[in-house]
Amino acid sequence: MAGFEINKRAIENMQREIAKEFERAARKHPIRVPVQVDTPRNPACFTRERRHREGPTSLASTRVA
């Protein structure tokens, strides 16, 4: 194609400008996602007594020799 050239420098500059605009917009308007944690249906299953009966839960106790 005669007479047609791609200006790579202009493309790089445009990409930088677009990235800067996205960064500015993210600083001005941060994305916030609400997080909801459901409570257990049977809170008794998380009592101290049950954990005690099942034994320790550390990683050291689960290693296989």
N, C-alpha and C. Protein backbone atom coordinates (compact mmCIF):
# COMPACT_ATOMS: atom_id res chain seq x y z
N MET A 1 0.84 -1.17 0.00
CA MET A 1 0.00 0.00 0.00
C MET A 1 0.89 1.24 0.00
N ALA A 2 0.88 1.88 -1.06
CA ALA A 2 1.72 3.07 -1.21
C ALA A 2 1.11 4.26 -0.50
N GLY A 3 1.94 5.03 0.18
CA GLY A 3 1.49 6.26 0.80
C GLY A 3 0.78 6.08 2.14
N PHE A 4 0.80 4.88 2.70
CA PHE A 4 0.11 4.65 3.98
C PHE A 4 1.11 4.16 5.02
N GLU A 5 1.23 4.90 6.11
CA GLU A 5 2.13 4.52 7.18
C GLU A 5 1.39 4.59 8.51
N ILE A 6 1.73 3.69 9.40
CA ILE A 6 1.14 3.69 10.73
C ILE A 6 2.08 4.45 11.65
N ASN A 7 1.55 5.47 12.30
CA ASN A 7 2.34 6.28 13.20
C ASN A 7 2.34 5.62 14.58
N LYS A 8 3.34 4.77 14.82
CA LYS A 8 3.39 4.00 16.06
C LYS A 8 3.61 4.89 17.27
N ARG A 9 4.36 5.95 17.11
CA ARG A 9 4.61 6.86 18.23
C ARG A 9 3.30 7.53 18.68
N ALA A 10 2.47 7.93 17.72
CA ALA A 10 1.19 8.54 18.07
C ALA A 10 0.27 7.54 18.77
N ILE A 11 0.32 6.28 18.34
CA ILE A 11 -0.49 5.24 18.97
C ILE A 11 -0.05 5.04 20.42
N GLU A 12 1.27 4.99 20.64
CA GLU A 12 1.80 4.82 22.00
C GLU A 12 1.40 6.00 22.90
N ASN A 13 1.49 7.21 22.36
CA ASN A 13 1.09 8.39 23.13
C ASN A 13 -0.40 8.33 23.49
N MET A 14 -1.20 7.93 22.54
CA MET A 14 -2.64 7.82 22.80
C MET A 14 -2.93 6.77 23.87
N GLN A 15 -2.23 5.64 23.81
CA GLN A 15 -2.42 4.60 24.81
C GLN A 15 -2.06 5.12 26.20
N ARG A 16 -0.97 5.87 26.30
CA ARG A 16 -0.56 6.44 27.58
C ARG A 16 -1.61 7.43 28.10
N GLU A 17 -2.12 8.28 27.21
CA GLU A 17 -3.15 9.24 27.61
C GLU A 17 -4.42 8.54 28.09
N ILE A 18 -4.83 7.50 27.40
CA ILE A 18 -6.02 6.75 27.80
C ILE A 18 -5.80 6.10 29.15
N ALA A 19 -4.62 5.51 29.37
CA ALA A 19 -4.31 4.88 30.65
C ALA A 19 -4.34 5.91 31.78
N LYS A 20 -3.80 7.11 31.53
CA LYS A 20 -3.81 8.17 32.54
C LYS A 20 -5.24 8.58 32.88
N GLU A 21 -6.09 8.68 31.88
CA GLU A 21 -7.48 9.04 32.11
C GLU A 21 -8.20 7.99 32.96
N PHE A 22 -7.93 6.71 32.69
CA PHE A 22 -8.54 5.66 33.49
C PHE A 22 -8.05 5.73 34.94
N GLU A 23 -6.76 6.00 35.13
CA GLU A 23 -6.22 6.11 36.49
C GLU A 23 -6.84 7.29 37.23
N ARG A 24 -6.98 8.42 36.55
CA ARG A 24 -7.61 9.59 37.17
C ARG A 24 -9.05 9.29 37.55
N ALA A 25 -9.76 8.66 36.65
CA ALA A 25 -11.17 8.34 36.91
C ALA A 25 -11.29 7.35 38.08
N ALA A 26 -10.36 6.40 38.15
CA ALA A 26 -10.40 5.42 39.25
C ALA A 26 -10.11 6.10 40.59
N ARG A 27 -9.25 7.12 40.60
CA ARG A 27 -8.96 7.84 41.84
C ARG A 27 -10.15 8.69 42.26
N LYS A 28 -10.81 9.31 41.28
CA LYS A 28 -11.95 10.18 41.59
C LYS A 28 -13.17 9.37 41.98
N HIS A 29 -13.39 8.27 41.28
CA HIS A 29 -14.60 7.45 41.48
C HIS A 29 -14.18 5.99 41.66
N PRO A 30 -13.71 5.63 42.86
CA PRO A 30 -13.28 4.24 43.06
C PRO A 30 -14.46 3.27 42.96
N ILE A 31 -14.16 2.08 42.52
CA ILE A 31 -15.19 1.05 42.40
C ILE A 31 -15.36 0.42 43.77
N ARG A 32 -16.58 0.38 44.24
CA ARG A 32 -16.88 -0.21 45.55
C ARG A 32 -17.88 -1.33 45.36
N VAL A 33 -17.56 -2.46 45.93
CA VAL A 33 -18.43 -3.62 45.82
C VAL A 33 -18.89 -3.99 47.22
N PRO A 34 -20.19 -3.99 47.47
CA PRO A 34 -20.66 -4.37 48.79
C PRO A 34 -20.44 -5.86 49.04
N VAL A 35 -19.99 -6.18 50.23
CA VAL A 35 -19.74 -7.57 50.60
C VAL A 35 -20.68 -7.92 51.75
N GLN A 36 -21.36 -9.03 51.61
CA GLN A 36 -22.29 -9.47 52.64
C GLN A 36 -21.87 -10.85 53.12
N VAL A 37 -21.83 -11.02 54.42
CA VAL A 37 -21.46 -12.30 55.00
C VAL A 37 -22.68 -12.87 55.70
N ASP A 38 -23.04 -14.07 55.32
CA ASP A 38 -24.18 -14.73 55.94
C ASP A 38 -23.75 -15.36 57.26
N THR A 39 -24.63 -15.31 58.23
CA THR A 39 -24.35 -15.96 59.51
C THR A 39 -24.68 -17.43 59.39
N PRO A 40 -24.02 -18.28 60.15
CA PRO A 40 -24.32 -19.71 60.07
C PRO A 40 -25.74 -20.00 60.56
N ARG A 41 -26.35 -21.01 59.99
CA ARG A 41 -27.72 -21.36 60.38
C ARG A 41 -27.76 -21.92 61.80
N ASN A 42 -26.71 -22.64 62.17
CA ASN A 42 -26.66 -23.22 63.50
C ASN A 42 -25.40 -22.71 64.19
N PRO A 43 -25.48 -21.59 64.90
CA PRO A 43 -24.29 -21.02 65.52
C PRO A 43 -23.69 -21.93 66.58
N ALA A 44 -24.42 -22.93 67.07
CA ALA A 44 -23.89 -23.84 68.08
C ALA A 44 -22.75 -24.69 67.53
N CYS A 45 -22.70 -24.88 66.23
CA CYS A 45 -21.64 -25.70 65.65
C CYS A 45 -20.29 -25.00 65.69
N PHE A 46 -20.27 -23.71 66.01
CA PHE A 46 -19.02 -22.98 66.07
C PHE A 46 -18.62 -22.63 67.50
N THR A 47 -19.12 -23.38 68.44
CA THR A 47 -18.79 -23.08 69.83
C THR A 47 -17.42 -23.62 70.18
N ARG A 48 -16.90 -23.16 71.27
CA ARG A 48 -15.57 -23.56 71.73
C ARG A 48 -15.53 -25.06 72.08
N GLU A 49 -16.62 -25.60 72.63
CA GLU A 49 -16.63 -26.99 73.05
C GLU A 49 -16.43 -27.94 71.87
N ARG A 50 -17.07 -27.66 70.78
CA ARG A 50 -16.94 -28.54 69.62
C ARG A 50 -15.52 -28.51 69.07
N ARG A 51 -14.93 -27.33 68.97
CA ARG A 51 -13.55 -27.24 68.48
C ARG A 51 -12.62 -28.00 69.41
N HIS A 52 -12.90 -27.94 70.72
CA HIS A 52 -12.05 -28.63 71.68
C HIS A 52 -12.14 -30.14 71.50
N ARG A 53 -13.36 -30.65 71.27
CA ARG A 53 -13.53 -32.10 71.11
C ARG A 53 -12.86 -32.61 69.83
N GLU A 54 -12.85 -31.79 68.77
CA GLU A 54 -12.27 -32.23 67.50
C GLU A 54 -10.75 -32.14 67.50
N GLY A 55 -10.17 -31.45 68.46
CA GLY A 55 -8.73 -31.36 68.53
C GLY A 55 -8.22 -30.09 67.89
N PRO A 56 -6.88 -29.92 67.89
CA PRO A 56 -6.30 -28.69 67.37
C PRO A 56 -6.50 -28.57 65.87
N THR A 57 -6.56 -27.35 65.38
CA THR A 57 -6.79 -27.12 63.95
C THR A 57 -5.60 -26.45 63.28
N SER A 58 -4.45 -26.45 63.92
CA SER A 58 -3.30 -25.77 63.32
C SER A 58 -2.74 -26.62 62.20
N LEU A 59 -1.98 -26.00 61.32
CA LEU A 59 -1.37 -26.71 60.20
C LEU A 59 -0.32 -27.70 60.68
N ALA A 60 0.33 -27.40 61.79
CA ALA A 60 1.37 -28.27 62.31
C ALA A 60 0.79 -29.64 62.66
N SER A 61 -0.45 -29.69 63.13
CA SER A 61 -1.04 -30.96 63.54
C SER A 61 -1.54 -31.77 62.33
N THR A 62 -1.63 -31.16 61.15
CA THR A 62 -2.14 -31.88 59.99
C THR A 62 -1.05 -32.38 59.07
N ARG A 63 0.21 -32.13 59.39
CA ARG A 63 1.31 -32.59 58.54
C ARG A 63 1.49 -34.10 58.65
N VAL A 64 1.81 -34.69 57.52
CA VAL A 64 2.04 -36.13 57.49
C VAL A 64 3.55 -36.37 57.47
N ALA A 65 4.01 -37.26 58.33
CA ALA A 65 5.45 -37.52 58.43
C ALA A 65 5.91 -38.46 57.35
